[in-house]
Amino acid sequence: MKLGIRSRFSRDSALEHAITAPTLHTRRLVLRPHRMDDAARWHEIQSSPDVRAYTSWPERTAAESRTHLKHRTKHVVLRRADDFLALAIEHDGQLVGDVALHLRSVSPTTRFVEISWILHPEHYGHGFAREAAEELMNFAFERAAARWIVAVIHPHNAPSIALASSLGFTQVSTTDDSLCFIAGTPAQRRAVSRERPSGAPLRAAGGEQSHNPPRQKNALA
């Protein structure tokens, strides 16, 4: 990812209460912290050309992918800016993808997070990415008290762009290799749809931006 959004608050700013990785249940999925017994499936996902085409991940050996997964199992707390939660998407007991939240701004009045999603190609077309992303967005608004959620997507990744739109995101900026989308709380989105003139720009909360790169783009083909 080339485009990044980050709080201008220092790393010393922190949430009053840390938010730990949840286990969330949807109609068909379980979203839960990664485990090392996910390693073989995680390597399959990371080895997919479809996934790598829309992320900044390099090609990894099984051992390198296992090391990457080990680091991911440790990302289970949101407290300071740039902390992130990584959750496995599980269907019928099998790892099928990943959703993550990056805390970009801590202040209650400007708090926003960045969401990302990755799905195993063999599970495209079943609505799993939408189901998982929607549940994590609800968690971000309700549990993390986020005011806004940001998604950064490769401009050629049409399915992820369509998914973002269906989830209520609005495109707010473009670079050569990234599109940035933003979604407010349900109440904010209703207000924007009523009050924002067609084609008018919508700015992220506080307009806080930097060049700190997010860790992955959304991958869904």
Protein backbone atom coordinates (compact mmCIF):
# COMPACT_ATOMS: atom_id res chain seq x y z
CA MET A 1 0.00 0.00 0.00
CA LYS A 2 1.31 3.40 -0.92
CA LEU A 3 -1.48 5.45 0.60
CA GLY A 4 -1.65 5.56 4.37
CA ILE A 5 -3.79 7.33 6.89
CA ARG A 6 -2.54 7.89 10.39
CA SER A 7 -3.24 10.02 13.41
CA ARG A 8 -1.03 13.05 13.99
CA PHE A 9 -1.29 12.22 17.68
CA SER A 10 1.86 10.69 19.12
CA ARG A 11 2.28 7.04 19.94
CA ASP A 12 1.93 8.12 23.59
CA SER A 13 -1.80 8.76 22.98
CA ALA A 14 -3.75 5.69 23.95
CA LEU A 15 -7.28 4.44 24.39
CA GLU A 16 -8.52 4.61 27.95
CA HIS A 17 -9.30 0.90 27.79
CA ALA A 18 -7.45 -1.48 25.47
CA ILE A 19 -9.62 -3.43 23.02
CA THR A 20 -8.72 -7.09 22.69
CA ALA A 21 -9.36 -9.26 19.65
CA PRO A 22 -12.87 -10.69 19.80
CA THR A 23 -14.35 -13.91 18.54
CA LEU A 24 -17.32 -12.89 16.42
CA HIS A 25 -20.01 -15.14 14.96
CA THR A 26 -22.05 -14.42 11.85
CA ARG A 27 -24.63 -16.62 10.18
CA ARG A 28 -21.95 -18.69 8.42
CA LEU A 29 -18.58 -17.54 9.73
CA VAL A 30 -16.42 -17.31 12.82
CA LEU A 31 -14.00 -14.37 13.08
CA ARG A 32 -11.31 -15.16 15.64
CA PRO A 33 -7.60 -14.59 16.34
CA HIS A 34 -5.23 -16.54 14.10
CA ARG A 35 -3.66 -19.78 15.32
CA MET A 36 -0.51 -21.54 14.22
CA ASP A 37 -2.56 -24.52 13.04
CA ASP A 38 -3.78 -22.15 10.29
CA ALA A 39 -0.27 -22.21 8.76
CA ALA A 40 -0.90 -24.47 5.76
CA ARG A 41 -4.05 -22.64 4.68
CA TRP A 42 -2.41 -19.25 5.36
CA HIS A 43 0.41 -20.19 2.98
CA GLU A 44 -2.16 -21.19 0.34
CA ILE A 45 -3.81 -17.79 0.64
CA GLN A 46 -0.52 -15.89 0.51
CA SER A 47 0.66 -17.97 -2.46
CA SER A 48 -2.35 -17.08 -4.59
CA PRO A 49 -1.45 -14.79 -7.52
CA ASP A 50 -4.91 -13.20 -7.17
CA VAL A 51 -4.19 -12.23 -3.56
CA ARG A 52 -0.64 -10.99 -4.20
CA ALA A 53 -1.82 -8.90 -7.16
CA TYR A 54 -3.79 -6.67 -4.80
CA THR A 55 -1.56 -6.60 -1.71
CA SER A 56 2.00 -5.51 -1.02
CA TRP A 57 2.89 -9.02 0.20
CA PRO A 58 5.89 -10.69 -1.47
CA GLU A 59 5.92 -14.31 -2.53
CA ARG A 60 6.77 -16.35 0.58
CA THR A 61 7.99 -19.87 1.21
CA ALA A 62 6.05 -22.05 3.63
CA ALA A 63 8.56 -21.21 6.36
CA GLU A 64 8.35 -17.46 5.66
CA SER A 65 4.56 -17.61 5.61
CA ARG A 66 4.60 -19.43 8.95
CA THR A 67 6.78 -16.67 10.44
CA HIS A 68 4.40 -14.05 9.07
CA LEU A 69 1.46 -15.89 10.61
CA LYS A 70 3.27 -16.10 13.96
CA HIS A 71 3.59 -12.30 13.97
CA ARG A 72 -0.08 -12.00 13.02
CA THR A 73 -1.17 -14.12 15.99
CA LYS A 74 0.33 -11.42 18.24
CA HIS A 75 -1.76 -8.58 16.82
CA VAL A 76 -4.67 -8.93 19.19
CA VAL A 77 -4.89 -5.55 21.00
CA LEU A 78 -5.89 -2.03 19.98
CA ARG A 79 -4.56 0.64 22.32
CA ARG A 80 -2.29 3.08 20.45
CA ALA A 81 -2.27 4.56 16.96
CA ASP A 82 -1.20 1.98 14.36
CA ASP A 83 -2.00 -1.02 16.56
CA PHE A 84 -4.05 -3.55 14.64
CA LEU A 85 -6.24 -6.58 15.17
CA ALA A 86 -5.94 -9.47 12.70
CA LEU A 87 -8.77 -11.98 12.66
CA ALA A 88 -9.05 -15.26 10.80
CA ILE A 89 -12.21 -15.85 8.79
CA GLU A 90 -13.31 -19.42 9.47
CA HIS A 91 -16.03 -21.34 7.63
CA ASP A 92 -17.00 -24.86 8.64
CA GLY A 93 -13.83 -25.13 10.72
CA GLN A 94 -11.51 -24.08 7.88
CA LEU A 95 -9.52 -20.86 7.40
CA VAL A 96 -10.90 -19.02 4.36
CA GLY A 97 -9.49 -15.51 4.82
CA ASP A 98 -8.51 -12.62 7.07
CA VAL A 99 -10.02 -9.31 8.19
CA ALA A 100 -8.10 -6.67 10.11
CA LEU A 101 -8.60 -3.32 11.82
CA HIS A 102 -5.81 -0.73 12.12
CA LEU A 103 -6.32 2.01 14.69
CA ARG A 104 -5.32 5.25 12.92
CA SER A 105 -6.62 7.95 15.29
CA VAL A 106 -7.11 7.60 19.05
CA SER A 107 -8.96 10.81 19.93
CA PRO A 108 -12.65 10.11 20.62
CA THR A 109 -13.72 13.02 18.39
CA THR A 110 -11.65 11.95 15.37
CA ARG A 111 -11.18 8.24 15.96
CA PHE A 112 -10.96 6.21 12.80
CA VAL A 113 -9.77 2.77 11.84
CA GLU A 114 -8.69 1.16 8.60
CA ILE A 115 -10.25 -2.13 7.55
CA SER A 116 -8.77 -4.74 5.24
CA TRP A 117 -10.00 -8.09 3.97
CA ILE A 118 -8.35 -11.07 2.29
CA LEU A 119 -10.15 -14.17 0.99
CA HIS A 120 -8.95 -17.54 -0.29
CA PRO A 121 -9.74 -17.57 -4.04
CA GLU A 122 -11.62 -20.85 -3.81
CA HIS A 123 -14.22 -19.06 -1.67
CA TYR A 124 -14.89 -16.11 -3.96
CA GLY A 125 -18.49 -15.51 -4.90
CA HIS A 126 -20.17 -16.71 -1.70
CA GLY A 127 -20.49 -13.36 0.07
CA PHE A 128 -18.00 -14.30 2.80
CA ALA A 129 -15.95 -11.11 2.47
CA ARG A 130 -19.05 -8.94 2.84
CA GLU A 131 -20.30 -10.96 5.80
CA ALA A 132 -16.95 -10.72 7.59
CA ALA A 133 -16.32 -7.06 6.78
CA GLU A 134 -19.80 -6.02 7.85
CA GLU A 135 -19.42 -7.77 11.20
CA LEU A 136 -16.01 -6.18 11.82
CA MET A 137 -17.37 -2.75 10.87
CA ASN A 138 -20.11 -3.17 13.46
CA PHE A 139 -17.45 -4.09 16.02
CA ALA A 140 -15.40 -1.02 15.09
CA PHE A 141 -18.34 1.34 15.53
CA GLU A 142 -19.83 -0.27 18.62
CA ARG A 143 -16.84 -1.59 20.55
CA ALA A 144 -13.98 0.63 19.36
CA ALA A 145 -16.20 3.74 19.12
CA ALA A 146 -14.78 4.59 15.69
CA ARG A 147 -16.25 7.66 14.00
CA TRP A 148 -15.04 6.62 10.54
CA ILE A 149 -13.70 3.53 8.80
CA VAL A 150 -11.25 3.74 5.89
CA ALA A 151 -10.55 1.12 3.21
CA VAL A 152 -7.68 1.30 0.70
CA ILE A 153 -8.16 -0.70 -2.50
CA HIS A 154 -6.14 -1.31 -5.66
CA PRO A 155 -7.83 0.56 -8.55
CA HIS A 156 -8.02 -2.61 -10.67
CA ASN A 157 -9.70 -4.66 -7.92
CA ALA A 158 -13.26 -4.24 -9.14
CA PRO A 159 -14.87 -6.81 -6.79
CA SER A 160 -13.41 -5.10 -3.68
CA ILE A 161 -14.45 -1.69 -4.98
CA ALA A 162 -17.99 -3.01 -5.48
CA LEU A 163 -17.94 -4.56 -2.00
CA ALA A 164 -16.82 -1.28 -0.42
CA SER A 165 -19.63 0.55 -2.18
CA SER A 166 -22.19 -2.01 -1.02
CA LEU A 167 -20.93 -1.60 2.56
CA GLY A 168 -21.59 2.14 2.44
CA PHE A 169 -18.10 3.43 1.66
CA THR A 170 -17.53 6.57 -0.42
CA GLN A 171 -14.38 7.12 -2.49
CA VAL A 172 -12.49 10.19 -1.28
CA SER A 173 -9.05 10.08 -2.93
CA THR A 174 -7.04 8.40 -5.68
CA THR A 175 -3.38 7.70 -6.38
CA ASP A 176 -1.78 5.69 -9.18
CA ASP A 177 -2.09 2.42 -7.24
CA SER A 178 -4.69 3.08 -4.52
CA LEU A 179 -8.25 4.23 -4.04
CA CYS A 180 -9.22 5.45 -0.59
CA PHE A 181 -12.77 4.93 0.65
CA ILE A 182 -14.42 6.13 3.86
CA ALA A 183 -17.56 5.13 5.74
CA GLY A 184 -19.09 6.81 8.75
CA THR A 185 -21.41 5.38 11.35
CA PRO A 186 -24.85 4.39 10.05
CA ALA A 187 -26.25 7.68 11.37
CA GLN A 188 -23.47 9.67 9.68
CA ARG A 189 -24.01 7.86 6.40
CA ARG A 190 -27.72 8.65 6.48
CA ALA A 191 -26.91 12.31 7.14
CA VAL A 192 -24.34 12.41 4.32
CA SER A 193 -26.78 10.84 1.87
CA ARG A 194 -29.36 13.52 2.75
CA GLU A 195 -27.10 16.57 2.99
CA ARG A 196 -24.01 16.06 0.83
CA PRO A 197 -24.48 17.41 -2.73
CA SER A 198 -23.79 14.92 -5.48
CA GLY A 199 -20.08 14.87 -6.33
CA ALA A 200 -19.06 16.99 -3.32
CA PRO A 201 -15.85 15.88 -1.58
CA LEU A 202 -16.01 14.15 1.80
CA ARG A 203 -12.96 14.50 4.07
CA ALA A 204 -11.75 12.05 6.66
CA ALA A 205 -12.34 13.02 10.29
CA GLY A 206 -10.05 15.93 11.10
CA GLY A 207 -8.34 15.58 7.72
CA GLU A 208 -5.52 13.73 9.49
CA GLN A 209 -3.22 12.12 6.95
CA SER A 210 0.36 10.94 6.71
CA HIS A 211 2.44 8.69 4.52
CA ASN A 212 2.65 5.79 6.95
CA PRO A 213 1.84 2.79 4.70
CA PRO A 214 -0.95 0.41 5.68
CA ARG A 215 0.15 -3.20 5.92
CA GLN A 216 -2.04 -4.64 3.20
CA LYS A 217 -4.60 -3.73 0.55
CA ASN A 218 -7.92 -5.47 0.39
CA ALA A 219 -7.70 -8.54 -1.85
CA LEU A 220 -10.84 -9.89 -3.41
CA ALA A 221 -11.02 -10.85 -7.05
